[in-house]
Amino acid sequence: MKSRWLSWGLLVLSYATYGQLLHNNDSSQLIWSITLALIVIKAGVLTFCWQPVRNFLLKGFKTDVGYSIMVLALASLAVLAVAQLRTFAYIVVLLAAALLVRVDCLIDGMGDRGSFILLILLSMLGLGMSWLPTLLFQGAEFTA
């Protein structure tokens, strides 16, 4: 029962740090919009679309052509990971935290709809928390 608070906190904290990365890079509104869309897509894939995605991945490893395509895709992903290590690390942490929350939802017997809403709310809460320093210290100058 208490383990879910840990996974929820990790998801919120991971999105708060990702939001700080976006703030530090002075990301445009387009990047923020893409991030919000990806939150909804990720939550949908982990809840409502999990069976079709799982079946597609498992079917890919059952045939020689599917196996070859999966190997090429993983090799391309490895090149992307090396080229953009910091961004890739953030994406992996966000995905791992979301998977941990999803596992806790499954253990608690929460349905797909509840898990979907919870994943979106916790992710948005983390992104919202990343705006707190900007809003609190807007216009304040620190002198040494």
N, C-alpha and C. Protein backbone atom coordinates (compact mmCIF):
# COMPACT_ATOMS: atom_id res chain seq x y z
N MET A 1 0.82 -1.19 0.00
CA MET A 1 0.00 0.00 0.00
C MET A 1 0.86 1.26 0.00
N LYS A 2 1.93 1.25 0.77
CA LYS A 2 2.79 2.42 0.85
C LYS A 2 3.74 2.52 -0.35
N SER A 3 3.96 1.43 -1.05
CA SER A 3 4.90 1.45 -2.16
C SER A 3 4.43 2.35 -3.29
N ARG A 4 3.11 2.52 -3.41
CA ARG A 4 2.62 3.35 -4.51
C ARG A 4 3.02 4.80 -4.32
N TRP A 5 3.14 5.27 -3.10
CA TRP A 5 3.54 6.65 -2.88
C TRP A 5 4.97 6.88 -3.37
N LEU A 6 5.80 5.88 -3.25
CA LEU A 6 7.16 6.00 -3.74
C LEU A 6 7.17 6.11 -5.26
N SER A 7 6.42 5.27 -5.93
CA SER A 7 6.39 5.33 -7.39
C SER A 7 5.73 6.62 -7.87
N TRP A 8 4.70 7.07 -7.18
CA TRP A 8 4.05 8.33 -7.55
C TRP A 8 5.03 9.49 -7.39
N GLY A 9 5.76 9.49 -6.28
CA GLY A 9 6.75 10.54 -6.04
C GLY A 9 7.86 10.53 -7.08
N LEU A 10 8.30 9.33 -7.47
CA LEU A 10 9.34 9.25 -8.49
C LEU A 10 8.86 9.79 -9.83
N LEU A 11 7.61 9.51 -10.18
CA LEU A 11 7.07 10.02 -11.44
C LEU A 11 6.96 11.54 -11.41
N VAL A 12 6.45 12.08 -10.33
CA VAL A 12 6.33 13.54 -10.21
C VAL A 12 7.71 14.18 -10.23
N LEU A 13 8.65 13.62 -9.49
CA LEU A 13 9.99 14.18 -9.44
C LEU A 13 10.70 14.09 -10.78
N SER A 14 10.50 12.99 -11.50
CA SER A 14 11.16 12.85 -12.80
C SER A 14 10.62 13.87 -13.79
N TYR A 15 9.31 14.13 -13.77
CA TYR A 15 8.76 15.15 -14.66
C TYR A 15 9.14 16.55 -14.21
N ALA A 16 9.31 16.77 -12.91
CA ALA A 16 9.75 18.08 -12.43
C ALA A 16 11.17 18.37 -12.91
N THR A 17 12.05 17.38 -12.85
CA THR A 17 13.42 17.60 -13.33
C THR A 17 13.46 17.74 -14.85
N TYR A 18 12.60 16.99 -15.55
CA TYR A 18 12.53 17.14 -17.00
C TYR A 18 12.01 18.54 -17.37
N GLY A 19 11.04 19.02 -16.62
CA GLY A 19 10.54 20.38 -16.84
C GLY A 19 11.62 21.42 -16.60
N GLN A 20 12.46 21.19 -15.59
CA GLN A 20 13.58 22.11 -15.35
C GLN A 20 14.57 22.09 -16.51
N LEU A 21 14.79 20.92 -17.09
CA LEU A 21 15.63 20.84 -18.28
C LEU A 21 15.05 21.68 -19.41
N LEU A 22 13.74 21.59 -19.59
CA LEU A 22 13.10 22.39 -20.64
C LEU A 22 13.22 23.88 -20.33
N HIS A 23 13.08 24.25 -19.06
CA HIS A 23 13.24 25.67 -18.68
C HIS A 23 14.67 26.14 -18.92
N ASN A 24 15.64 25.33 -18.52
CA ASN A 24 17.04 25.72 -18.66
C ASN A 24 17.45 25.86 -20.12
N ASN A 25 16.84 25.09 -21.00
CA ASN A 25 17.15 25.17 -22.43
C ASN A 25 16.30 26.20 -23.15
N ASP A 26 15.48 26.94 -22.41
CA ASP A 26 14.57 27.93 -23.00
C ASP A 26 13.78 27.34 -24.16
N SER A 27 13.13 26.23 -23.89
CA SER A 27 12.37 25.52 -24.91
C SER A 27 11.15 26.34 -25.34
N SER A 28 10.79 26.16 -26.59
CA SER A 28 9.67 26.90 -27.16
C SER A 28 8.34 26.29 -26.73
N GLN A 29 7.27 27.00 -27.05
CA GLN A 29 5.92 26.49 -26.77
C GLN A 29 5.67 25.19 -27.51
N LEU A 30 6.27 25.03 -28.69
CA LEU A 30 6.10 23.81 -29.46
C LEU A 30 6.65 22.60 -28.70
N ILE A 31 7.81 22.75 -28.09
CA ILE A 31 8.42 21.65 -27.33
C ILE A 31 7.54 21.31 -26.12
N TRP A 32 7.01 22.33 -25.44
CA TRP A 32 6.13 22.08 -24.30
C TRP A 32 4.86 21.38 -24.77
N SER A 33 4.32 21.78 -25.91
CA SER A 33 3.11 21.15 -26.44
C SER A 33 3.37 19.69 -26.83
N ILE A 34 4.52 19.44 -27.43
CA ILE A 34 4.89 18.07 -27.79
C ILE A 34 5.04 17.23 -26.53
N THR A 35 5.62 17.80 -25.49
CA THR A 35 5.77 17.09 -24.22
C THR A 35 4.41 16.71 -23.64
N LEU A 36 3.47 17.63 -23.68
CA LEU A 36 2.13 17.34 -23.17
C LEU A 36 1.45 16.25 -23.99
N ALA A 37 1.62 16.32 -25.31
CA ALA A 37 1.03 15.29 -26.18
C ALA A 37 1.67 13.93 -25.91
N LEU A 38 2.97 13.91 -25.69
CA LEU A 38 3.65 12.64 -25.42
C LEU A 38 3.25 12.05 -24.08
N ILE A 39 2.91 12.90 -23.12
CA ILE A 39 2.41 12.40 -21.83
C ILE A 39 1.12 11.62 -22.05
N VAL A 40 0.22 12.19 -22.84
CA VAL A 40 -1.07 11.54 -23.10
C VAL A 40 -0.86 10.26 -23.91
N ILE A 41 0.02 10.32 -24.91
CA ILE A 41 0.30 9.13 -25.73
C ILE A 41 0.91 8.02 -24.89
N LYS A 42 1.89 8.38 -24.06
CA LYS A 42 2.54 7.38 -23.21
C LYS A 42 1.55 6.74 -22.25
N ALA A 43 0.70 7.56 -21.65
CA ALA A 43 -0.31 7.02 -20.73
C ALA A 43 -1.27 6.10 -21.47
N GLY A 44 -1.64 6.47 -22.69
CA GLY A 44 -2.53 5.63 -23.48
C GLY A 44 -1.91 4.31 -23.87
N VAL A 45 -0.63 4.35 -24.24
CA VAL A 45 0.07 3.12 -24.62
C VAL A 45 0.22 2.19 -23.42
N LEU A 46 0.50 2.75 -22.26
CA LEU A 46 0.70 1.93 -21.07
C LEU A 46 -0.60 1.39 -20.48
N THR A 47 -1.73 1.95 -20.88
CA THR A 47 -3.00 1.50 -20.31
C THR A 47 -3.90 0.87 -21.37
N PHE A 48 -4.52 1.67 -22.19
CA PHE A 48 -5.51 1.18 -23.14
C PHE A 48 -4.91 0.36 -24.28
N CYS A 49 -3.76 0.75 -24.76
CA CYS A 49 -3.16 0.10 -25.94
C CYS A 49 -2.07 -0.90 -25.57
N TRP A 50 -1.98 -1.31 -24.32
CA TRP A 50 -0.89 -2.18 -23.90
C TRP A 50 -0.92 -3.53 -24.60
N GLN A 51 -2.09 -4.16 -24.68
CA GLN A 51 -2.19 -5.48 -25.32
C GLN A 51 -1.77 -5.44 -26.79
N PRO A 52 -2.28 -4.50 -27.62
CA PRO A 52 -1.84 -4.48 -29.02
C PRO A 52 -0.34 -4.20 -29.17
N VAL A 53 0.20 -3.31 -28.35
CA VAL A 53 1.64 -3.01 -28.42
C VAL A 53 2.45 -4.25 -28.02
N ARG A 54 2.03 -4.90 -26.96
CA ARG A 54 2.72 -6.11 -26.50
C ARG A 54 2.66 -7.21 -27.55
N ASN A 55 1.49 -7.41 -28.13
CA ASN A 55 1.35 -8.43 -29.18
C ASN A 55 2.20 -8.10 -30.40
N PHE A 56 2.26 -6.83 -30.77
CA PHE A 56 3.07 -6.41 -31.92
C PHE A 56 4.55 -6.69 -31.67
N LEU A 57 5.02 -6.34 -30.48
CA LEU A 57 6.44 -6.57 -30.16
C LEU A 57 6.76 -8.05 -30.09
N LEU A 58 5.88 -8.83 -29.48
CA LEU A 58 6.13 -10.27 -29.39
C LEU A 58 6.05 -10.94 -30.76
N LYS A 59 5.13 -10.49 -31.60
CA LYS A 59 5.01 -11.05 -32.93
C LYS A 59 6.25 -10.72 -33.77
N GLY A 60 6.84 -9.56 -33.51
CA GLY A 60 8.04 -9.17 -34.23
C GLY A 60 9.21 -10.09 -33.98
N PHE A 61 9.26 -10.69 -32.82
CA PHE A 61 10.37 -11.59 -32.50
C PHE A 61 10.10 -13.04 -32.92
N LYS A 62 8.94 -13.32 -33.47
CA LYS A 62 8.60 -14.70 -33.85
C LYS A 62 9.00 -15.03 -35.28
N THR A 63 9.21 -14.03 -36.13
CA THR A 63 9.59 -14.29 -37.52
C THR A 63 10.98 -13.74 -37.78
N ASP A 64 11.62 -14.25 -38.81
CA ASP A 64 12.96 -13.78 -39.15
C ASP A 64 12.95 -12.33 -39.61
N VAL A 65 11.97 -11.97 -40.40
CA VAL A 65 11.88 -10.59 -40.89
C VAL A 65 11.59 -9.65 -39.73
N GLY A 66 10.65 -10.03 -38.86
CA GLY A 66 10.34 -9.21 -37.70
C GLY A 66 11.53 -9.07 -36.77
N TYR A 67 12.26 -10.15 -36.59
CA TYR A 67 13.46 -10.11 -35.75
C TYR A 67 14.50 -9.16 -36.33
N SER A 68 14.69 -9.23 -37.65
CA SER A 68 15.66 -8.34 -38.31
C SER A 68 15.25 -6.88 -38.17
N ILE A 69 13.97 -6.61 -38.33
CA ILE A 69 13.49 -5.23 -38.19
C ILE A 69 13.67 -4.74 -36.76
N MET A 70 13.38 -5.60 -35.79
CA MET A 70 13.56 -5.22 -34.38
C MET A 70 15.03 -4.95 -34.06
N VAL A 71 15.92 -5.77 -34.60
CA VAL A 71 17.35 -5.58 -34.36
C VAL A 71 17.82 -4.26 -34.97
N LEU A 72 17.37 -3.96 -36.19
CA LEU A 72 17.73 -2.69 -36.82
C LEU A 72 17.17 -1.49 -36.06
N ALA A 73 15.94 -1.63 -35.57
CA ALA A 73 15.35 -0.54 -34.79
C ALA A 73 16.10 -0.33 -33.49
N LEU A 74 16.48 -1.40 -32.81
CA LEU A 74 17.23 -1.28 -31.56
C LEU A 74 18.63 -0.72 -31.80
N ALA A 75 19.25 -1.09 -32.92
CA ALA A 75 20.57 -0.54 -33.25
C ALA A 75 20.45 0.96 -33.52
N SER A 76 19.41 1.36 -34.22
CA SER A 76 19.20 2.79 -34.47
C SER A 76 18.93 3.54 -33.17
N LEU A 77 18.18 2.92 -32.29
CA LEU A 77 17.92 3.52 -30.99
C LEU A 77 19.20 3.65 -30.16
N ALA A 78 20.09 2.68 -30.27
CA ALA A 78 21.38 2.75 -29.57
C ALA A 78 22.22 3.90 -30.09
N VAL A 79 22.22 4.11 -31.40
CA VAL A 79 22.97 5.24 -31.98
C VAL A 79 22.38 6.56 -31.49
N LEU A 80 21.06 6.65 -31.46
CA LEU A 80 20.39 7.85 -30.95
C LEU A 80 20.74 8.08 -29.49
N ALA A 81 20.80 7.00 -28.72
CA ALA A 81 21.13 7.11 -27.29
C ALA A 81 22.53 7.66 -27.09
N VAL A 82 23.46 7.21 -27.90
CA VAL A 82 24.84 7.69 -27.77
C VAL A 82 24.95 9.15 -28.23
N ALA A 83 24.24 9.49 -29.31
CA ALA A 83 24.33 10.84 -29.86
C ALA A 83 23.66 11.87 -28.93
N GLN A 84 22.57 11.50 -28.32
CA GLN A 84 21.82 12.41 -27.44
C GLN A 84 21.68 11.77 -26.06
N LEU A 85 22.80 11.55 -25.39
CA LEU A 85 22.80 10.78 -24.14
C LEU A 85 21.94 11.42 -23.06
N ARG A 86 22.07 12.71 -22.85
CA ARG A 86 21.33 13.36 -21.76
C ARG A 86 19.82 13.29 -22.01
N THR A 87 19.39 13.61 -23.20
CA THR A 87 17.96 13.56 -23.53
C THR A 87 17.45 12.14 -23.44
N PHE A 88 18.22 11.19 -23.94
CA PHE A 88 17.82 9.79 -23.89
C PHE A 88 17.69 9.31 -22.45
N ALA A 89 18.60 9.74 -21.58
CA ALA A 89 18.54 9.36 -20.18
C ALA A 89 17.26 9.89 -19.53
N TYR A 90 16.89 11.13 -19.83
CA TYR A 90 15.65 11.68 -19.29
C TYR A 90 14.44 10.87 -19.77
N ILE A 91 14.42 10.51 -21.04
CA ILE A 91 13.30 9.75 -21.60
C ILE A 91 13.20 8.38 -20.94
N VAL A 92 14.33 7.73 -20.73
CA VAL A 92 14.32 6.41 -20.08
C VAL A 92 13.82 6.51 -18.64
N VAL A 93 14.24 7.54 -17.92
CA VAL A 93 13.79 7.72 -16.54
C VAL A 93 12.29 7.99 -16.50
N LEU A 94 11.80 8.83 -17.42
CA LEU A 94 10.36 9.12 -17.46
C LEU A 94 9.56 7.86 -17.76
N LEU A 95 10.04 7.06 -18.69
CA LEU A 95 9.35 5.83 -19.04
C LEU A 95 9.40 4.82 -17.90
N ALA A 96 10.55 4.69 -17.25
CA ALA A 96 10.69 3.74 -16.15
C ALA A 96 9.79 4.13 -14.97
N ALA A 97 9.72 5.41 -14.66
CA ALA A 97 8.85 5.87 -13.57
C ALA A 97 7.39 5.63 -13.90
N ALA A 98 7.00 5.86 -15.15
CA ALA A 98 5.62 5.62 -15.56
C ALA A 98 5.29 4.13 -15.51
N LEU A 99 6.22 3.29 -15.91
CA LEU A 99 6.00 1.85 -15.83
C LEU A 99 5.86 1.39 -14.38
N LEU A 100 6.62 1.98 -13.49
CA LEU A 100 6.53 1.63 -12.08
C LEU A 100 5.16 2.01 -11.52
N VAL A 101 4.65 3.18 -11.89
CA VAL A 101 3.31 3.58 -11.46
C VAL A 101 2.27 2.63 -12.04
N ARG A 102 2.44 2.24 -13.30
CA ARG A 102 1.48 1.33 -13.94
C ARG A 102 1.47 -0.04 -13.24
N VAL A 103 2.63 -0.53 -12.86
CA VAL A 103 2.70 -1.81 -12.14
C VAL A 103 1.99 -1.69 -10.80
N ASP A 104 2.20 -0.57 -10.10
CA ASP A 104 1.50 -0.37 -8.82
C ASP A 104 0.00 -0.30 -9.02
N CYS A 105 -0.43 0.32 -10.11
CA CYS A 105 -1.88 0.37 -10.41
C CYS A 105 -2.43 -1.02 -10.68
N LEU A 106 -1.67 -1.84 -11.38
CA LEU A 106 -2.11 -3.22 -11.64
C LEU A 106 -2.18 -4.02 -10.35
N ILE A 107 -1.21 -3.83 -9.46
CA ILE A 107 -1.21 -4.54 -8.18
C ILE A 107 -2.40 -4.12 -7.34
N ASP A 108 -2.75 -2.83 -7.37
CA ASP A 108 -3.88 -2.33 -6.59
C ASP A 108 -5.22 -2.65 -7.24
N GLY A 109 -5.21 -3.22 -8.45
CA GLY A 109 -6.45 -3.58 -9.12
C GLY A 109 -7.15 -2.40 -9.79
N MET A 110 -6.41 -1.34 -10.03
CA MET A 110 -6.99 -0.17 -10.68
C MET A 110 -7.17 -0.48 -12.17
N GLY A 111 -8.25 -0.07 -12.74
CA GLY A 111 -8.52 -0.33 -14.15
C GLY A 111 -7.71 0.56 -15.07
N ASP A 112 -7.90 0.34 -16.36
CA ASP A 112 -7.17 1.12 -17.35
C ASP A 112 -7.51 2.60 -17.29
N ARG A 113 -8.78 2.90 -17.13
CA ARG A 113 -9.21 4.31 -17.10
C ARG A 113 -8.59 5.04 -15.90
N GLY A 114 -8.64 4.44 -14.75
CA GLY A 114 -8.06 5.06 -13.57
C GLY A 114 -6.55 5.21 -13.68
N SER A 115 -5.89 4.20 -14.23
CA SER A 115 -4.44 4.27 -14.41
C SER A 115 -4.08 5.36 -15.41
N PHE A 116 -4.85 5.47 -16.49
CA PHE A 116 -4.63 6.49 -17.50
C PHE A 116 -4.71 7.89 -16.89
N ILE A 117 -5.76 8.12 -16.13
CA ILE A 117 -5.95 9.43 -15.51
C ILE A 117 -4.85 9.71 -14.49
N LEU A 118 -4.49 8.70 -13.70
CA LEU A 118 -3.45 8.87 -12.70
C LEU A 118 -2.10 9.19 -13.34
N LEU A 119 -1.75 8.47 -14.40
CA LEU A 119 -0.49 8.74 -15.09
C LEU A 119 -0.44 10.16 -15.64
N ILE A 120 -1.54 10.61 -16.22
CA ILE A 120 -1.57 11.96 -16.77
C ILE A 120 -1.50 13.00 -15.65
N LEU A 121 -2.27 12.81 -14.59
CA LEU A 121 -2.28 13.79 -13.50
C LEU A 121 -0.93 13.91 -12.81
N LEU A 122 -0.30 12.78 -12.53
CA LEU A 122 1.01 12.83 -11.86
C LEU A 122 2.07 13.46 -12.76
N SER A 123 2.02 13.15 -14.05
CA SER A 123 2.98 13.73 -14.98
C SER A 123 2.79 15.23 -15.11
N MET A 124 1.54 15.65 -15.22
CA MET A 124 1.25 17.09 -15.32
C MET A 124 1.61 17.82 -14.02
N LEU A 125 1.40 17.15 -12.89
CA LEU A 125 1.78 17.74 -11.61
C LEU A 125 3.28 17.99 -11.56
N GLY A 126 4.06 17.02 -12.03
CA GLY A 126 5.51 17.20 -12.07
C GLY A 126 5.93 18.34 -12.98
N LEU A 127 5.32 18.41 -14.16
CA LEU A 127 5.64 19.53 -15.06
C LEU A 127 5.22 20.85 -14.45
N GLY A 128 4.07 20.86 -13.78
CA GLY A 128 3.62 22.09 -13.12
C GLY A 128 4.57 22.51 -12.01
N MET A 129 5.10 21.54 -11.28
CA MET A 129 6.06 21.87 -10.22
C MET A 129 7.33 22.48 -10.79
N SER A 130 7.67 22.14 -12.01
CA SER A 130 8.88 22.72 -12.61
C SER A 130 8.71 24.20 -12.90
N TRP A 131 7.47 24.67 -12.94
CA TRP A 131 7.21 26.09 -13.17
C TRP A 131 7.30 26.91 -11.89
N LEU A 132 7.28 26.27 -10.72
CA LEU A 132 7.29 27.00 -9.45
C LEU A 132 8.48 27.95 -9.29
N PRO A 133 9.72 27.52 -9.52
CA PRO A 133 10.82 28.48 -9.37
C PRO A 133 10.71 29.66 -10.33
N THR A 134 10.23 29.42 -11.52
CA THR A 134 10.08 30.50 -12.49
C THR A 134 9.03 31.50 -12.02
N LEU A 135 7.93 31.00 -11.52
CA LEU A 135 6.85 31.89 -11.08
C LEU A 135 7.17 32.59 -9.77
N LEU A 136 7.84 31.90 -8.85
CA LEU A 136 8.16 32.49 -7.56
C LEU A 136 9.26 33.54 -7.64
N PHE A 137 10.24 33.29 -8.48
CA PHE A 137 11.39 34.18 -8.53
C PHE A 137 11.43 35.02 -9.80
N GLN A 138 10.31 35.17 -10.46
CA GLN A 138 10.25 35.96 -11.69
C GLN A 138 10.51 37.43 -11.34
N GLY A 139 11.51 37.98 -11.98
CA GLY A 139 11.86 39.37 -11.76
C GLY A 139 12.77 39.60 -10.57
N ALA A 140 12.98 38.60 -9.75
CA ALA A 140 13.86 38.76 -8.59
C ALA A 140 15.30 38.57 -9.04
N GLU A 141 16.14 39.49 -8.62
CA GLU A 141 17.56 39.37 -8.97
C GLU A 141 18.34 39.09 -7.70
N PHE A 142 19.22 38.14 -7.83
CA PHE A 142 20.06 37.77 -6.70
C PHE A 142 21.42 38.44 -6.89
N THR A 143 21.88 39.11 -5.87
CA THR A 143 23.20 39.73 -5.93
C THR A 143 24.09 39.06 -4.93
N ALA A 144 25.31 38.91 -5.31
CA ALA A 144 26.26 38.23 -4.43
C ALA A 144 27.01 39.21 -3.59
